[in-house]
Amino acid sequence: MTTKSKNPLDNSATHLLHRAGQRAADIFAEEAKKGGLTPRQYAVLTAVSLEEGLPQAELVARTGIDRSTLAD
């Protein structure tokens, strides 16, 4: 038996995926903070650990971090 919610967002795949993404980001941030890293720092260190000597443009492409933020 299924129960229909009065809130239409409860049946919206887009909304539910967005909420799942938010929760995943929160969990990741909590775990990364334990190591003293921000999620962006973790992403950069992981990319570099897989292939040292990557140029900045490639780090941007692999991590999704914009160039100006990565430069900081």
N, C-alpha and C. Protein backbone atom coordinates (compact mmCIF):
# COMPACT_ATOMS: atom_id res chain seq x y z
N MET A 1 0.84 -1.17 0.00
CA MET A 1 0.00 0.00 0.00
C MET A 1 0.90 1.24 0.00
N THR A 2 0.62 2.19 -0.86
CA THR A 2 1.37 3.43 -0.90
C THR A 2 0.52 4.55 -0.32
N THR A 3 1.19 5.49 0.27
CA THR A 3 0.51 6.63 0.86
C THR A 3 0.86 7.85 0.04
N LYS A 4 -0.15 8.57 -0.39
CA LYS A 4 0.10 9.80 -1.14
C LYS A 4 0.35 10.93 -0.17
N SER A 5 1.43 11.67 -0.43
CA SER A 5 1.76 12.80 0.40
C SER A 5 1.02 14.03 -0.10
N LYS A 6 0.72 14.91 0.82
CA LYS A 6 0.07 16.16 0.43
C LYS A 6 1.08 17.14 -0.16
N ASN A 7 2.35 16.89 0.10
CA ASN A 7 3.40 17.76 -0.43
C ASN A 7 3.84 17.23 -1.79
N PRO A 8 3.59 17.97 -2.87
CA PRO A 8 3.96 17.47 -4.20
C PRO A 8 5.47 17.28 -4.37
N LEU A 9 6.27 17.96 -3.56
CA LEU A 9 7.73 17.78 -3.67
C LEU A 9 8.16 16.38 -3.25
N ASP A 10 7.38 15.72 -2.41
CA ASP A 10 7.70 14.37 -1.98
C ASP A 10 7.63 13.37 -3.13
N ASN A 11 7.01 13.74 -4.22
CA ASN A 11 6.89 12.87 -5.39
C ASN A 11 7.68 13.39 -6.58
N SER A 12 8.49 14.42 -6.36
CA SER A 12 9.27 15.02 -7.44
C SER A 12 10.67 14.40 -7.47
N ALA A 13 10.98 13.68 -8.54
CA ALA A 13 12.30 13.06 -8.66
C ALA A 13 13.41 14.11 -8.61
N THR A 14 13.22 15.22 -9.25
CA THR A 14 14.23 16.28 -9.27
C THR A 14 14.48 16.79 -7.85
N HIS A 15 13.42 17.05 -7.13
CA HIS A 15 13.57 17.54 -5.75
C HIS A 15 14.24 16.50 -4.86
N LEU A 16 13.82 15.25 -4.98
CA LEU A 16 14.39 14.20 -4.15
C LEU A 16 15.86 13.97 -4.47
N LEU A 17 16.23 14.03 -5.74
CA LEU A 17 17.65 13.91 -6.11
C LEU A 17 18.46 15.08 -5.56
N HIS A 18 17.90 16.26 -5.61
CA HIS A 18 18.56 17.44 -5.06
C HIS A 18 18.80 17.25 -3.56
N ARG A 19 17.78 16.79 -2.85
CA ARG A 19 17.90 16.57 -1.40
C ARG A 19 18.94 15.49 -1.10
N ALA A 20 18.96 14.43 -1.89
CA ALA A 20 19.95 13.36 -1.70
C ALA A 20 21.36 13.90 -1.92
N GLY A 21 21.52 14.74 -2.93
CA GLY A 21 22.82 15.37 -3.18
C GLY A 21 23.26 16.25 -2.03
N GLN A 22 22.32 17.01 -1.48
CA GLN A 22 22.64 17.85 -0.32
C GLN A 22 23.10 17.00 0.86
N ARG A 23 22.40 15.92 1.11
CA ARG A 23 22.75 15.06 2.25
C ARG A 23 24.11 14.41 2.02
N ALA A 24 24.37 13.96 0.81
CA ALA A 24 25.66 13.35 0.50
C ALA A 24 26.78 14.36 0.70
N ALA A 25 26.57 15.60 0.28
CA ALA A 25 27.58 16.65 0.47
C ALA A 25 27.81 16.91 1.95
N ASP A 26 26.76 16.91 2.74
CA ASP A 26 26.90 17.11 4.19
C ASP A 26 27.71 15.99 4.83
N ILE A 27 27.42 14.75 4.46
CA ILE A 27 28.15 13.61 5.01
C ILE A 27 29.61 13.68 4.61
N PHE A 28 29.86 13.99 3.35
CA PHE A 28 31.24 14.09 2.87
C PHE A 28 31.99 15.18 3.62
N ALA A 29 31.36 16.34 3.81
CA ALA A 29 32.01 17.45 4.51
C ALA A 29 32.36 17.06 5.94
N GLU A 30 31.47 16.34 6.61
CA GLU A 30 31.75 15.88 7.98
C GLU A 30 32.96 14.96 8.01
N GLU A 31 33.02 14.03 7.09
CA GLU A 31 34.12 13.07 7.05
C GLU A 31 35.44 13.75 6.69
N ALA A 32 35.42 14.65 5.73
CA ALA A 32 36.64 15.33 5.30
C ALA A 32 37.16 16.24 6.42
N LYS A 33 36.25 16.83 7.18
CA LYS A 33 36.65 17.72 8.26
C LYS A 33 37.43 16.97 9.34
N LYS A 34 37.14 15.69 9.52
CA LYS A 34 37.85 14.89 10.52
C LYS A 34 39.34 14.86 10.23
N GLY A 35 39.68 14.92 8.96
CA GLY A 35 41.09 14.93 8.55
C GLY A 35 41.65 16.33 8.46
N GLY A 36 40.86 17.34 8.81
CA GLY A 36 41.33 18.71 8.77
C GLY A 36 41.32 19.32 7.37
N LEU A 37 40.60 18.69 6.46
CA LEU A 37 40.56 19.17 5.08
C LEU A 37 39.17 19.66 4.71
N THR A 38 39.14 20.60 3.80
CA THR A 38 37.87 20.97 3.20
C THR A 38 37.59 19.98 2.07
N PRO A 39 36.35 19.86 1.64
CA PRO A 39 36.06 18.95 0.52
C PRO A 39 36.87 19.31 -0.74
N ARG A 40 37.10 20.58 -0.98
CA ARG A 40 37.88 20.97 -2.16
C ARG A 40 39.34 20.55 -2.02
N GLN A 41 39.90 20.73 -0.83
CA GLN A 41 41.29 20.30 -0.61
C GLN A 41 41.41 18.79 -0.80
N TYR A 42 40.44 18.06 -0.28
CA TYR A 42 40.45 16.61 -0.43
C TYR A 42 40.41 16.23 -1.91
N ALA A 43 39.56 16.89 -2.69
CA ALA A 43 39.44 16.58 -4.11
C ALA A 43 40.76 16.83 -4.84
N VAL A 44 41.40 17.95 -4.54
CA VAL A 44 42.67 18.27 -5.20
C VAL A 44 43.75 17.27 -4.81
N LEU A 45 43.85 16.96 -3.52
CA LEU A 45 44.87 16.01 -3.08
C LEU A 45 44.63 14.62 -3.67
N THR A 46 43.39 14.23 -3.79
CA THR A 46 43.09 12.93 -4.40
C THR A 46 43.48 12.92 -5.86
N ALA A 47 43.15 13.98 -6.60
CA ALA A 47 43.51 14.06 -8.03
C ALA A 47 45.02 14.03 -8.21
N VAL A 48 45.74 14.77 -7.39
CA VAL A 48 47.20 14.83 -7.50
C VAL A 48 47.82 13.49 -7.10
N SER A 49 47.22 12.82 -6.11
CA SER A 49 47.78 11.53 -5.69
C SER A 49 47.66 10.48 -6.79
N LEU A 50 46.67 10.64 -7.65
CA LEU A 50 46.48 9.69 -8.74
C LEU A 50 47.43 9.96 -9.90
N GLU A 51 47.81 11.23 -10.05
CA GLU A 51 48.72 11.60 -11.14
C GLU A 51 49.43 12.90 -10.78
N GLU A 52 50.65 12.78 -10.30
CA GLU A 52 51.41 13.96 -9.91
C GLU A 52 51.77 14.81 -11.12
N GLY A 53 51.94 16.11 -10.88
CA GLY A 53 52.38 17.02 -11.93
C GLY A 53 51.29 17.50 -12.86
N LEU A 54 50.03 17.33 -12.45
CA LEU A 54 48.93 17.79 -13.31
C LEU A 54 48.95 19.31 -13.42
N PRO A 55 48.78 19.84 -14.61
CA PRO A 55 48.66 21.29 -14.75
C PRO A 55 47.34 21.77 -14.15
N GLN A 56 47.29 23.06 -13.81
CA GLN A 56 46.11 23.63 -13.17
C GLN A 56 44.84 23.38 -13.98
N ALA A 57 44.93 23.54 -15.30
CA ALA A 57 43.74 23.35 -16.14
C ALA A 57 43.20 21.92 -16.02
N GLU A 58 44.08 20.94 -15.90
CA GLU A 58 43.63 19.56 -15.76
C GLU A 58 43.04 19.31 -14.37
N LEU A 59 43.62 19.94 -13.35
CA LEU A 59 43.03 19.83 -12.00
C LEU A 59 41.62 20.43 -11.98
N VAL A 60 41.44 21.54 -12.67
CA VAL A 60 40.10 22.15 -12.77
C VAL A 60 39.14 21.17 -13.43
N ALA A 61 39.57 20.55 -14.51
CA ALA A 61 38.71 19.61 -15.23
C ALA A 61 38.37 18.39 -14.39
N ARG A 62 39.33 17.87 -13.66
CA ARG A 62 39.11 16.65 -12.89
C ARG A 62 38.35 16.87 -11.59
N THR A 63 38.49 18.04 -11.00
CA THR A 63 37.86 18.26 -9.70
C THR A 63 36.56 19.06 -9.79
N GLY A 64 36.38 19.81 -10.87
CA GLY A 64 35.20 20.66 -10.98
C GLY A 64 35.31 21.94 -10.19
N ILE A 65 36.49 22.21 -9.66
CA ILE A 65 36.72 23.44 -8.91
C ILE A 65 37.13 24.52 -9.90
N ASP A 66 36.54 25.70 -9.80
CA ASP A 66 36.87 26.74 -10.77
C ASP A 66 38.31 27.21 -10.58
N ARG A 67 38.86 27.74 -11.64
CA ARG A 67 40.29 28.10 -11.70
C ARG A 67 40.68 29.09 -10.60
N SER A 68 39.87 30.10 -10.36
CA SER A 68 40.23 31.11 -9.36
C SER A 68 40.24 30.53 -7.95
N THR A 69 39.30 29.64 -7.66
CA THR A 69 39.27 29.00 -6.34
C THR A 69 40.45 28.05 -6.19
N LEU A 70 40.77 27.34 -7.24
CA LEU A 70 41.88 26.41 -7.19
C LEU A 70 43.20 27.14 -6.98
N ALA A 71 43.33 28.33 -7.56
CA ALA A 71 44.56 29.11 -7.42
C ALA A 71 44.79 29.52 -5.97
N ASP A 72 43.71 29.75 -5.24
CA ASP A 72 43.84 30.12 -3.83
C ASP A 72 44.43 28.97 -3.03
